[in-house]
Amino acid sequence: MVAWSFLGIRGNRAYQEDLGKVNPMHVLAVGLIGVLLLVVGLIGLVNWVVAK
């Protein structure tokens, strides 16, 4: 559900179904992990490009 939200391609009906089953703490945890991975990936990419 969090990945679909990042991409913005989830349909309204499926979104409503997922919303009824989800625990807010799980969404928060997965969202924070996703942001952390994105930031670490961007830092790694920048360091790799600058090192060349």
PDB file of N, CA and C in Angstrom:
ATOM      1  N   MET A   1       0.815  -1.177   0.000  1.00  0.00           N
ATOM      2  CA  MET A   1       0.000   0.000   0.000  1.00  0.00           C
ATOM      3  C   MET A   1       0.869   1.255   0.000  1.00  0.00           C
ATOM      4  N   VAL A   2       1.938   1.241   0.751  1.00  0.00           N
ATOM      5  CA  VAL A   2       2.812   2.411   0.799  1.00  0.00           C
ATOM      6  C   VAL A   2       3.517   2.610  -0.530  1.00  0.00           C
ATOM      7  N   ALA A   3       3.954   1.515  -1.140  1.00  0.00           N
ATOM      8  CA  ALA A   3       4.627   1.624  -2.441  1.00  0.00           C
ATOM      9  C   ALA A   3       3.680   2.196  -3.496  1.00  0.00           C
ATOM     10  N   TRP A   4       2.421   1.755  -3.495  1.00  0.00           N
ATOM     11  CA  TRP A   4       1.450   2.307  -4.447  1.00  0.00           C
ATOM     12  C   TRP A   4       1.254   3.795  -4.191  1.00  0.00           C
ATOM     13  N   SER A   5       1.296   4.208  -2.939  1.00  0.00           N
ATOM     14  CA  SER A   5       1.120   5.617  -2.605  1.00  0.00           C
ATOM     15  C   SER A   5       2.303   6.449  -3.098  1.00  0.00           C
ATOM     16  N   PHE A   6       3.497   5.908  -2.973  1.00  0.00           N
ATOM     17  CA  PHE A   6       4.673   6.622  -3.487  1.00  0.00           C
ATOM     18  C   PHE A   6       4.558   6.834  -4.991  1.00  0.00           C
ATOM     19  N   LEU A   7       4.066   5.822  -5.696  1.00  0.00           N
ATOM     20  CA  LEU A   7       3.942   5.911  -7.144  1.00  0.00           C
ATOM     21  C   LEU A   7       2.663   6.604  -7.590  1.00  0.00           C
ATOM     22  N   GLY A   8       1.653   6.610  -6.741  1.00  0.00           N
ATOM     23  CA  GLY A   8       0.395   7.282  -7.057  1.00  0.00           C
ATOM     24  C   GLY A   8      -0.444   6.566  -8.091  1.00  0.00           C
ATOM     25  N   ILE A   9      -0.383   5.224  -8.140  1.00  0.00           N
ATOM     26  CA  ILE A   9      -1.106   4.496  -9.180  1.00  0.00           C
ATOM     27  C   ILE A   9      -2.145   3.529  -8.616  1.00  0.00           C
ATOM     28  N   ARG A  10      -2.565   3.724  -7.391  1.00  0.00           N
ATOM     29  CA  ARG A  10      -3.545   2.826  -6.776  1.00  0.00           C
ATOM     30  C   ARG A  10      -4.952   3.322  -7.074  1.00  0.00           C
ATOM     31  N   GLY A  11      -5.822   2.414  -7.484  1.00  0.00           N
ATOM     32  CA  GLY A  11      -7.215   2.762  -7.759  1.00  0.00           C
ATOM     33  C   GLY A  11      -7.980   3.054  -6.478  1.00  0.00           C
ATOM     34  N   ASN A  12      -9.050   3.822  -6.561  1.00  0.00           N
ATOM     35  CA  ASN A  12      -9.807   4.233  -5.386  1.00  0.00           C
ATOM     36  C   ASN A  12     -10.444   3.043  -4.675  1.00  0.00           C
ATOM     37  N   ARG A  13     -10.994   2.107  -5.432  1.00  0.00           N
ATOM     38  CA  ARG A  13     -11.651   0.953  -4.809  1.00  0.00           C
ATOM     39  C   ARG A  13     -10.649   0.100  -4.027  1.00  0.00           C
ATOM     40  N   ALA A  14      -9.519  -0.203  -4.636  1.00  0.00           N
ATOM     41  CA  ALA A  14      -8.489  -0.987  -3.955  1.00  0.00           C
ATOM     42  C   ALA A  14      -7.925  -0.216  -2.765  1.00  0.00           C
ATOM     43  N   TYR A  15      -7.822   1.085  -2.909  1.00  0.00           N
ATOM     44  CA  TYR A  15      -7.337   1.918  -1.812  1.00  0.00           C
ATOM     45  C   TYR A  15      -8.284   1.834  -0.618  1.00  0.00           C
ATOM     46  N   GLN A  16      -9.567   1.893  -0.872  1.00  0.00           N
ATOM     47  CA  GLN A  16     -10.557   1.816   0.201  1.00  0.00           C
ATOM     48  C   GLN A  16     -10.526   0.447   0.882  1.00  0.00           C
ATOM     49  N   GLU A  17     -10.320  -0.620   0.121  1.00  0.00           N
ATOM     50  CA  GLU A  17     -10.216  -1.957   0.698  1.00  0.00           C
ATOM     51  C   GLU A  17      -8.985  -2.073   1.599  1.00  0.00           C
ATOM     52  N   ASP A  18      -7.863  -1.556   1.125  1.00  0.00           N
ATOM     53  CA  ASP A  18      -6.634  -1.604   1.917  1.00  0.00           C
ATOM     54  C   ASP A  18      -6.754  -0.763   3.180  1.00  0.00           C
ATOM     55  N   LEU A  19      -7.451   0.346   3.083  1.00  0.00           N
ATOM     56  CA  LEU A  19      -7.594   1.252   4.215  1.00  0.00           C
ATOM     57  C   LEU A  19      -8.312   0.577   5.375  1.00  0.00           C
ATOM     58  N   GLY A  20      -9.225  -0.332   5.086  1.00  0.00           N
ATOM     59  CA  GLY A  20      -9.944  -1.036   6.138  1.00  0.00           C
ATOM     60  C   GLY A  20      -9.117  -2.087   6.850  1.00  0.00           C
ATOM     61  N   LYS A  21      -8.035  -2.545   6.247  1.00  0.00           N
ATOM     62  CA  LYS A  21      -7.229  -3.635   6.794  1.00  0.00           C
ATOM     63  C   LYS A  21      -5.908  -3.184   7.415  1.00  0.00           C
ATOM     64  N   VAL A  22      -5.551  -1.948   7.251  1.00  0.00           N
ATOM     65  CA  VAL A  22      -4.191  -1.521   7.577  1.00  0.00           C
ATOM     66  C   VAL A  22      -4.090  -1.011   9.024  1.00  0.00           C
ATOM     67  N   ASN A  23      -2.921  -1.232   9.601  1.00  0.00           N
ATOM     68  CA  ASN A  23      -2.582  -0.702  10.910  1.00  0.00           C
ATOM     69  C   ASN A  23      -1.754   0.574  10.685  1.00  0.00           C
ATOM     70  N   PRO A  24      -2.141   1.708  11.245  1.00  0.00           N
ATOM     71  CA  PRO A  24      -1.405   2.954  11.007  1.00  0.00           C
ATOM     72  C   PRO A  24       0.075   2.883  11.378  1.00  0.00           C
ATOM     73  N   MET A  25       0.404   2.126  12.405  1.00  0.00           N
ATOM     74  CA  MET A  25       1.814   2.022  12.785  1.00  0.00           C
ATOM     75  C   MET A  25       2.633   1.295  11.720  1.00  0.00           C
ATOM     76  N   HIS A  26       2.028   0.311  11.073  1.00  0.00           N
ATOM     77  CA  HIS A  26       2.734  -0.393   9.994  1.00  0.00           C
ATOM     78  C   HIS A  26       2.984   0.541   8.824  1.00  0.00           C
ATOM     79  N   VAL A  27       2.004   1.350   8.483  1.00  0.00           N
ATOM     80  CA  VAL A  27       2.165   2.308   7.376  1.00  0.00           C
ATOM     81  C   VAL A  27       3.264   3.307   7.710  1.00  0.00           C
ATOM     82  N   LEU A  28       3.268   3.809   8.926  1.00  0.00           N
ATOM     83  CA  LEU A  28       4.294   4.759   9.350  1.00  0.00           C
ATOM     84  C   LEU A  28       5.681   4.125   9.299  1.00  0.00           C
ATOM     85  N   ALA A  29       5.804   2.901   9.796  1.00  0.00           N
ATOM     86  CA  ALA A  29       7.100   2.219   9.803  1.00  0.00           C
ATOM     87  C   ALA A  29       7.597   1.966   8.381  1.00  0.00           C
ATOM     88  N   VAL A  30       6.735   1.474   7.519  1.00  0.00           N
ATOM     89  CA  VAL A  30       7.147   1.187   6.142  1.00  0.00           C
ATOM     90  C   VAL A  30       7.463   2.489   5.403  1.00  0.00           C
ATOM     91  N   GLY A  31       6.697   3.527   5.656  1.00  0.00           N
ATOM     92  CA  GLY A  31       6.969   4.819   5.029  1.00  0.00           C
ATOM     93  C   GLY A  31       8.315   5.386   5.443  1.00  0.00           C
ATOM     94  N   LEU A  32       8.614   5.307   6.731  1.00  0.00           N
ATOM     95  CA  LEU A  32       9.911   5.801   7.210  1.00  0.00           C
ATOM     96  C   LEU A  32      11.071   4.985   6.647  1.00  0.00           C
ATOM     97  N   ILE A  33      10.901   3.681   6.579  1.00  0.00           N
ATOM     98  CA  ILE A  33      11.944   2.832   5.992  1.00  0.00           C
ATOM     99  C   ILE A  33      12.131   3.168   4.518  1.00  0.00           C
ATOM    100  N   GLY A  34      11.030   3.386   3.803  1.00  0.00           N
ATOM    101  CA  GLY A  34      11.115   3.749   2.388  1.00  0.00           C
ATOM    102  C   GLY A  34      11.839   5.067   2.181  1.00  0.00           C
ATOM    103  N   VAL A  35      11.535   6.057   2.998  1.00  0.00           N
ATOM    104  CA  VAL A  35      12.208   7.357   2.892  1.00  0.00           C
ATOM    105  C   VAL A  35      13.680   7.214   3.229  1.00  0.00           C
ATOM    106  N   LEU A  36      13.981   6.441   4.255  1.00  0.00           N
ATOM    107  CA  LEU A  36      15.381   6.224   4.634  1.00  0.00           C
ATOM    108  C   LEU A  36      16.161   5.562   3.497  1.00  0.00           C
ATOM    109  N   LEU A  37      15.566   4.540   2.883  1.00  0.00           N
ATOM    110  CA  LEU A  37      16.236   3.878   1.754  1.00  0.00           C
ATOM    111  C   LEU A  37      16.420   4.821   0.579  1.00  0.00           C
ATOM    112  N   LEU A  38      15.440   5.668   0.319  1.00  0.00           N
ATOM    113  CA  LEU A  38      15.553   6.641  -0.764  1.00  0.00           C
ATOM    114  C   LEU A  38      16.689   7.617  -0.503  1.00  0.00           C
ATOM    115  N   VAL A  39      16.778   8.144   0.711  1.00  0.00           N
ATOM    116  CA  VAL A  39      17.833   9.103   1.055  1.00  0.00           C
ATOM    117  C   VAL A  39      19.206   8.441   0.990  1.00  0.00           C
ATOM    118  N   VAL A  40      19.330   7.248   1.546  1.00  0.00           N
ATOM    119  CA  VAL A  40      20.621   6.545   1.507  1.00  0.00           C
ATOM    120  C   VAL A  40      21.005   6.235   0.065  1.00  0.00           C
ATOM    121  N   GLY A  41      20.035   5.846  -0.750  1.00  0.00           N
ATOM    122  CA  GLY A  41      20.316   5.577  -2.162  1.00  0.00           C
ATOM    123  C   GLY A  41      20.771   6.815  -2.908  1.00  0.00           C
ATOM    124  N   LEU A  42      20.116   7.944  -2.642  1.00  0.00           N
ATOM    125  CA  LEU A  42      20.528   9.191  -3.303  1.00  0.00           C
ATOM    126  C   LEU A  42      21.913   9.639  -2.851  1.00  0.00           C
ATOM    127  N   ILE A  43      22.202   9.501  -1.574  1.00  0.00           N
ATOM    128  CA  ILE A  43      23.540   9.856  -1.081  1.00  0.00           C
ATOM    129  C   ILE A  43      24.590   8.960  -1.719  1.00  0.00           C
ATOM    130  N   GLY A  44      24.297   7.666  -1.807  1.00  0.00           N
ATOM    131  CA  GLY A  44      25.225   6.739  -2.455  1.00  0.00           C
ATOM    132  C   GLY A  44      25.431   7.072  -3.931  1.00  0.00           C
ATOM    133  N   LEU A  45      24.362   7.429  -4.618  1.00  0.00           N
ATOM    134  CA  LEU A  45      24.467   7.807  -6.030  1.00  0.00           C
ATOM    135  C   LEU A  45      25.313   9.060  -6.213  1.00  0.00           C
ATOM    136  N   VAL A  46      25.067  10.049  -5.381  1.00  0.00           N
ATOM    137  CA  VAL A  46      25.849  11.289  -5.474  1.00  0.00           C
ATOM    138  C   VAL A  46      27.315  11.026  -5.190  1.00  0.00           C
ATOM    139  N   ASN A  47      27.611  10.242  -4.175  1.00  0.00           N
ATOM    140  CA  ASN A  47      29.014   9.924  -3.864  1.00  0.00           C
ATOM    141  C   ASN A  47      29.666   9.159  -5.002  1.00  0.00           C
ATOM    142  N   TRP A  48      28.912   8.278  -5.618  1.00  0.00           N
ATOM    143  CA  TRP A  48      29.451   7.503  -6.744  1.00  0.00           C
ATOM    144  C   TRP A  48      29.746   8.395  -7.949  1.00  0.00           C
ATOM    145  N   VAL A  49      28.835   9.331  -8.244  1.00  0.00           N
ATOM    146  CA  VAL A  49      29.023  10.233  -9.379  1.00  0.00           C
ATOM    147  C   VAL A  49      30.173  11.201  -9.117  1.00  0.00           C
ATOM    148  N   VAL A  50      30.267  11.730  -7.927  1.00  0.00           N
ATOM    149  CA  VAL A  50      31.312  12.696  -7.598  1.00  0.00           C
ATOM    150  C   VAL A  50      32.685  12.035  -7.575  1.00  0.00           C
ATOM    151  N   ALA A  51      32.758  10.777  -7.214  1.00  0.00           N
ATOM    152  CA  ALA A  51      34.036  10.074  -7.134  1.00  0.00           C
ATOM    153  C   ALA A  51      34.648   9.822  -8.510  1.00  0.00           C
ATOM    154  N   LYS A  52      33.837   9.843  -9.555  1.00  0.00           N
ATOM    155  CA  LYS A  52      34.376   9.570 -10.899  1.00  0.00           C
ATOM    156  C   LYS A  52      35.128  10.726 -11.458  1.00  0.00           C
TER     157      LYS A  52
END
